[in-house]
Amino acid sequence: FTLHIIPSPEMRGKPVNIISGLNNPWGVVISKNEEIVVAENGAHCITILNKEGKKVKSFGTKGTKDGQFTHPRGVAISQDGHILVTDEHRLQKLTFEGVCVKSVGSSK
């Protein structure tokens, strides 16, 4: 899969950077620090890229424990700067280091 990074409305439709090698990315959000947070559905992980699209880190494995994911889909940044991830029937609130702060629901 390919992710096109478009930095501003003026550049709409003209990708500045093309990122490949992601395993079925579903959710994408950009943090205040311009980090790109990607929910990799196929790899059961969260990947963080810098604004140039280079991989900074990934965290998470397949599973139902805190900090693990079963096909993560949605990703957002909370007002207090945490990563919010949805998978199956669960929402997790994580630090940018991948530590689960809170988990609601259950992943069946």
N, C-alpha and C. Protein backbone atom coordinates (compact mmCIF):
# COMPACT_ATOMS: atom_id res chain seq x y z
N PHE A 1 0.83 -1.18 0.00
CA PHE A 1 0.00 0.00 0.00
C PHE A 1 0.87 1.24 0.00
N THR A 2 0.37 2.31 -0.55
CA THR A 2 1.12 3.55 -0.66
C THR A 2 0.37 4.66 0.04
N LEU A 3 1.08 5.45 0.81
CA LEU A 3 0.52 6.59 1.51
C LEU A 3 1.12 7.84 0.88
N HIS A 4 0.29 8.76 0.43
CA HIS A 4 0.75 10.01 -0.16
C HIS A 4 0.68 11.10 0.89
N ILE A 5 1.78 11.77 1.14
CA ILE A 5 1.84 12.85 2.11
C ILE A 5 1.70 14.17 1.36
N ILE A 6 0.67 14.93 1.71
CA ILE A 6 0.39 16.22 1.08
C ILE A 6 0.46 17.28 2.18
N PRO A 7 1.44 18.19 2.15
CA PRO A 7 1.70 19.08 3.27
C PRO A 7 0.74 20.25 3.45
N SER A 8 0.08 20.70 2.42
CA SER A 8 -0.77 21.88 2.57
C SER A 8 -1.88 21.86 1.53
N PRO A 9 -2.96 22.63 1.79
CA PRO A 9 -4.06 22.67 0.82
C PRO A 9 -3.63 23.11 -0.58
N GLU A 10 -2.61 23.97 -0.65
CA GLU A 10 -2.15 24.45 -1.95
C GLU A 10 -1.56 23.32 -2.80
N MET A 11 -1.07 22.27 -2.12
CA MET A 11 -0.43 21.16 -2.81
C MET A 11 -1.40 20.00 -3.06
N ARG A 12 -2.67 20.20 -2.79
CA ARG A 12 -3.66 19.13 -2.91
C ARG A 12 -3.53 18.41 -4.26
N GLY A 13 -3.46 17.10 -4.17
CA GLY A 13 -3.37 16.29 -5.37
C GLY A 13 -1.96 16.07 -5.87
N LYS A 14 -1.00 16.74 -5.26
CA LYS A 14 0.40 16.59 -5.67
C LYS A 14 1.20 16.03 -4.49
N PRO A 15 1.37 14.72 -4.42
CA PRO A 15 2.10 14.16 -3.27
C PRO A 15 3.54 14.63 -3.23
N VAL A 16 3.96 15.02 -2.05
CA VAL A 16 5.33 15.44 -1.86
C VAL A 16 6.19 14.22 -1.53
N ASN A 17 5.60 13.27 -0.82
CA ASN A 17 6.33 12.07 -0.45
C ASN A 17 5.40 10.87 -0.56
N ILE A 18 5.92 9.79 -1.06
CA ILE A 18 5.15 8.56 -1.17
C ILE A 18 5.80 7.53 -0.26
N ILE A 19 4.98 6.98 0.65
CA ILE A 19 5.48 6.02 1.62
C ILE A 19 4.94 4.65 1.24
N SER A 20 5.83 3.69 1.07
CA SER A 20 5.38 2.33 0.79
C SER A 20 5.90 1.43 1.90
N GLY A 21 5.46 0.19 1.88
CA GLY A 21 5.94 -0.76 2.88
C GLY A 21 5.04 -0.87 4.09
N LEU A 22 3.93 -0.15 4.12
CA LEU A 22 2.99 -0.27 5.23
C LEU A 22 2.06 -1.45 4.96
N ASN A 23 1.68 -2.16 6.01
CA ASN A 23 0.86 -3.35 5.88
C ASN A 23 -0.60 -3.03 6.13
N ASN A 24 -1.31 -2.73 5.07
CA ASN A 24 -2.74 -2.44 5.10
C ASN A 24 -3.09 -1.29 6.06
N PRO A 25 -2.57 -0.09 5.79
CA PRO A 25 -2.87 1.05 6.66
C PRO A 25 -4.33 1.45 6.56
N TRP A 26 -4.97 1.64 7.70
CA TRP A 26 -6.38 2.05 7.72
C TRP A 26 -6.53 3.47 8.23
N GLY A 27 -5.99 3.74 9.39
CA GLY A 27 -6.15 5.06 9.99
C GLY A 27 -4.85 5.84 9.94
N VAL A 28 -4.97 7.13 9.70
CA VAL A 28 -3.79 8.01 9.65
C VAL A 28 -4.16 9.33 10.31
N VAL A 29 -3.26 9.84 11.15
CA VAL A 29 -3.45 11.15 11.76
C VAL A 29 -2.08 11.81 11.89
N ILE A 30 -2.06 13.13 11.85
CA ILE A 30 -0.81 13.88 12.01
C ILE A 30 -0.86 14.61 13.34
N SER A 31 0.19 14.43 14.15
CA SER A 31 0.26 15.05 15.47
C SER A 31 0.65 16.52 15.37
N LYS A 32 0.56 17.22 16.50
CA LYS A 32 0.97 18.63 16.55
C LYS A 32 2.44 18.79 16.20
N ASN A 33 3.24 17.74 16.47
CA ASN A 33 4.67 17.76 16.16
C ASN A 33 4.96 17.29 14.74
N GLU A 34 3.91 17.16 13.93
CA GLU A 34 4.00 16.74 12.54
C GLU A 34 4.47 15.30 12.37
N GLU A 35 4.25 14.48 13.39
CA GLU A 35 4.51 13.05 13.25
C GLU A 35 3.27 12.41 12.62
N ILE A 36 3.49 11.45 11.77
CA ILE A 36 2.40 10.76 11.09
C ILE A 36 2.18 9.44 11.82
N VAL A 37 0.98 9.27 12.35
CA VAL A 37 0.65 8.06 13.11
C VAL A 37 -0.27 7.21 12.24
N VAL A 38 0.14 5.96 12.01
CA VAL A 38 -0.59 5.08 11.10
C VAL A 38 -1.01 3.81 11.84
N ALA A 39 -2.29 3.45 11.71
CA ALA A 39 -2.77 2.16 12.21
C ALA A 39 -2.57 1.15 11.09
N GLU A 40 -1.64 0.22 11.28
CA GLU A 40 -1.38 -0.82 10.28
C GLU A 40 -2.25 -2.03 10.60
N ASN A 41 -3.37 -2.11 9.91
CA ASN A 41 -4.35 -3.17 10.15
C ASN A 41 -3.75 -4.55 9.93
N GLY A 42 -2.99 -4.72 8.90
CA GLY A 42 -2.43 -6.03 8.57
C GLY A 42 -1.29 -6.46 9.48
N ALA A 43 -0.59 -5.52 10.07
CA ALA A 43 0.55 -5.84 10.95
C ALA A 43 0.17 -5.78 12.42
N HIS A 44 -1.07 -5.37 12.72
CA HIS A 44 -1.56 -5.29 14.11
C HIS A 44 -0.66 -4.37 14.94
N CYS A 45 -0.30 -3.22 14.37
CA CYS A 45 0.58 -2.31 15.10
C CYS A 45 0.28 -0.86 14.74
N ILE A 46 0.91 0.04 15.49
CA ILE A 46 0.88 1.47 15.21
C ILE A 46 2.28 1.86 14.79
N THR A 47 2.38 2.57 13.69
CA THR A 47 3.68 3.03 13.19
C THR A 47 3.70 4.55 13.20
N ILE A 48 4.81 5.10 13.68
CA ILE A 48 4.99 6.54 13.71
C ILE A 48 6.09 6.90 12.73
N LEU A 49 5.77 7.85 11.84
CA LEU A 49 6.70 8.33 10.83
C LEU A 49 7.00 9.80 11.09
N ASN A 50 8.18 10.25 10.69
CA ASN A 50 8.45 11.69 10.79
C ASN A 50 7.78 12.39 9.61
N LYS A 51 7.86 13.70 9.56
CA LYS A 51 7.13 14.43 8.52
C LYS A 51 7.67 14.17 7.12
N GLU A 52 8.87 13.60 7.01
CA GLU A 52 9.40 13.21 5.71
C GLU A 52 8.94 11.81 5.31
N GLY A 53 8.23 11.13 6.22
CA GLY A 53 7.73 9.79 5.93
C GLY A 53 8.66 8.67 6.31
N LYS A 54 9.73 8.97 7.04
CA LYS A 54 10.66 7.93 7.49
C LYS A 54 10.16 7.35 8.80
N LYS A 55 10.26 6.03 8.91
CA LYS A 55 9.78 5.34 10.11
C LYS A 55 10.60 5.73 11.33
N VAL A 56 9.91 6.17 12.38
CA VAL A 56 10.54 6.50 13.65
C VAL A 56 10.46 5.30 14.58
N LYS A 57 9.25 4.71 14.68
CA LYS A 57 9.06 3.54 15.53
C LYS A 57 7.72 2.89 15.23
N SER A 58 7.60 1.65 15.67
CA SER A 58 6.34 0.91 15.64
C SER A 58 6.17 0.27 17.00
N PHE A 59 4.92 0.08 17.39
CA PHE A 59 4.66 -0.65 18.63
C PHE A 59 3.35 -1.40 18.51
N GLY A 60 3.26 -2.45 19.32
CA GLY A 60 2.08 -3.30 19.33
C GLY A 60 2.32 -4.59 18.58
N THR A 61 1.59 -5.60 19.00
CA THR A 61 1.60 -6.90 18.36
C THR A 61 0.16 -7.39 18.31
N LYS A 62 -0.07 -8.50 17.65
CA LYS A 62 -1.42 -9.05 17.58
C LYS A 62 -1.79 -9.63 18.95
N GLY A 63 -2.95 -9.23 19.45
CA GLY A 63 -3.41 -9.76 20.72
C GLY A 63 -4.51 -8.91 21.32
N THR A 64 -4.96 -9.31 22.49
CA THR A 64 -6.07 -8.63 23.14
C THR A 64 -5.67 -7.95 24.45
N LYS A 65 -4.40 -7.99 24.80
CA LYS A 65 -3.93 -7.33 26.03
C LYS A 65 -3.72 -5.85 25.75
N ASP A 66 -3.56 -5.07 26.83
CA ASP A 66 -3.26 -3.65 26.68
C ASP A 66 -1.99 -3.47 25.86
N GLY A 67 -2.04 -2.56 24.89
CA GLY A 67 -0.90 -2.31 24.04
C GLY A 67 -0.78 -3.27 22.86
N GLN A 68 -1.69 -4.23 22.78
CA GLN A 68 -1.76 -5.13 21.64
C GLN A 68 -3.00 -4.77 20.82
N PHE A 69 -3.03 -5.22 19.57
CA PHE A 69 -4.13 -4.85 18.69
C PHE A 69 -4.61 -6.04 17.87
N THR A 70 -5.89 -6.01 17.56
CA THR A 70 -6.47 -6.97 16.63
C THR A 70 -7.06 -6.16 15.48
N HIS A 71 -6.30 -6.06 14.42
CA HIS A 71 -6.69 -5.27 13.24
C HIS A 71 -7.06 -3.83 13.62
N PRO A 72 -6.09 -3.03 14.06
CA PRO A 72 -6.40 -1.63 14.38
C PRO A 72 -6.91 -0.89 13.16
N ARG A 73 -7.91 -0.05 13.38
CA ARG A 73 -8.55 0.65 12.27
C ARG A 73 -8.45 2.16 12.40
N GLY A 74 -9.03 2.68 13.45
CA GLY A 74 -9.07 4.12 13.62
C GLY A 74 -7.94 4.61 14.51
N VAL A 75 -7.44 5.79 14.22
CA VAL A 75 -6.40 6.39 15.04
C VAL A 75 -6.66 7.90 15.09
N ALA A 76 -6.46 8.47 16.27
CA ALA A 76 -6.65 9.91 16.48
C ALA A 76 -5.69 10.35 17.57
N ILE A 77 -5.58 11.66 17.73
CA ILE A 77 -4.77 12.23 18.81
C ILE A 77 -5.73 12.93 19.76
N SER A 78 -5.65 12.61 21.05
CA SER A 78 -6.52 13.23 22.04
C SER A 78 -6.03 14.65 22.35
N GLN A 79 -6.87 15.42 23.01
CA GLN A 79 -6.49 16.79 23.36
C GLN A 79 -5.28 16.84 24.28
N ASP A 80 -5.10 15.79 25.08
CA ASP A 80 -3.95 15.77 25.99
C ASP A 80 -2.72 15.10 25.35
N GLY A 81 -2.76 14.87 24.03
CA GLY A 81 -1.59 14.41 23.30
C GLY A 81 -1.33 12.92 23.30
N HIS A 82 -2.34 12.11 23.59
CA HIS A 82 -2.20 10.66 23.53
C HIS A 82 -2.73 10.14 22.19
N ILE A 83 -2.31 8.94 21.83
CA ILE A 83 -2.80 8.28 20.63
C ILE A 83 -4.02 7.44 21.01
N LEU A 84 -5.11 7.62 20.29
CA LEU A 84 -6.32 6.83 20.48
C LEU A 84 -6.43 5.84 19.33
N VAL A 85 -6.61 4.57 19.66
CA VAL A 85 -6.67 3.52 18.64
C VAL A 85 -7.91 2.65 18.86
N THR A 86 -8.64 2.40 17.78
CA THR A 86 -9.76 1.46 17.84
C THR A 86 -9.37 0.18 17.12
N ASP A 87 -9.79 -0.93 17.72
CA ASP A 87 -9.65 -2.24 17.08
C ASP A 87 -10.81 -3.10 17.55
N GLU A 88 -11.36 -3.88 16.65
CA GLU A 88 -12.50 -4.74 16.97
C GLU A 88 -13.53 -3.98 17.82
N HIS A 89 -13.66 -4.31 19.10
CA HIS A 89 -14.67 -3.67 19.97
C HIS A 89 -14.01 -2.93 21.12
N ARG A 90 -12.89 -2.26 20.86
CA ARG A 90 -12.11 -1.66 21.93
C ARG A 90 -11.50 -0.33 21.49
N LEU A 91 -11.28 0.53 22.49
CA LEU A 91 -10.58 1.80 22.30
C LEU A 91 -9.45 1.84 23.31
N GLN A 92 -8.24 2.12 22.82
CA GLN A 92 -7.09 2.24 23.71
C GLN A 92 -6.51 3.65 23.61
N LYS A 93 -6.08 4.15 24.76
CA LYS A 93 -5.39 5.43 24.85
C LYS A 93 -3.94 5.12 25.20
N LEU A 94 -3.02 5.55 24.31
CA LEU A 94 -1.62 5.20 24.44
C LEU A 94 -0.72 6.41 24.42
N THR A 95 0.47 6.28 25.03
CA THR A 95 1.49 7.31 24.89
C THR A 95 2.18 7.12 23.54
N PHE A 96 2.99 8.07 23.15
CA PHE A 96 3.74 7.95 21.90
C PHE A 96 4.85 6.90 22.00
N GLU A 97 5.06 6.37 23.20
CA GLU A 97 6.01 5.27 23.39
C GLU A 97 5.30 3.92 23.31
N GLY A 98 3.96 3.93 23.19
CA GLY A 98 3.20 2.69 23.06
C GLY A 98 2.67 2.13 24.36
N VAL A 99 2.78 2.88 25.44
CA VAL A 99 2.28 2.43 26.74
C VAL A 99 0.77 2.71 26.82
N CYS A 100 0.01 1.69 27.16
CA CYS A 100 -1.44 1.83 27.26
C CYS A 100 -1.78 2.53 28.58
N VAL A 101 -2.46 3.66 28.48
CA VAL A 101 -2.89 4.44 29.63
C VAL A 101 -4.28 4.01 30.07
N LYS A 102 -5.13 3.69 29.10
CA LYS A 102 -6.50 3.28 29.38
C LYS A 102 -7.02 2.45 28.21
N SER A 103 -7.86 1.48 28.56
CA SER A 103 -8.50 0.63 27.56
C SER A 103 -9.97 0.48 27.92
N VAL A 104 -10.84 0.65 26.92
CA VAL A 104 -12.28 0.54 27.12
C VAL A 104 -12.84 -0.45 26.12
N GLY A 105 -13.68 -1.35 26.58
CA GLY A 105 -14.26 -2.37 25.72
C GLY A 105 -13.45 -3.63 25.76
N SER A 106 -13.72 -4.52 24.84
CA SER A 106 -12.97 -5.77 24.77
C SER A 106 -12.76 -6.15 23.31
N SER A 107 -11.64 -6.75 23.05
CA SER A 107 -11.34 -7.22 21.70
C SER A 107 -11.63 -8.70 21.69
N LYS A 108 -12.65 -9.10 20.92
CA LYS A 108 -13.08 -10.50 20.94
C LYS A 108 -12.45 -11.29 19.83
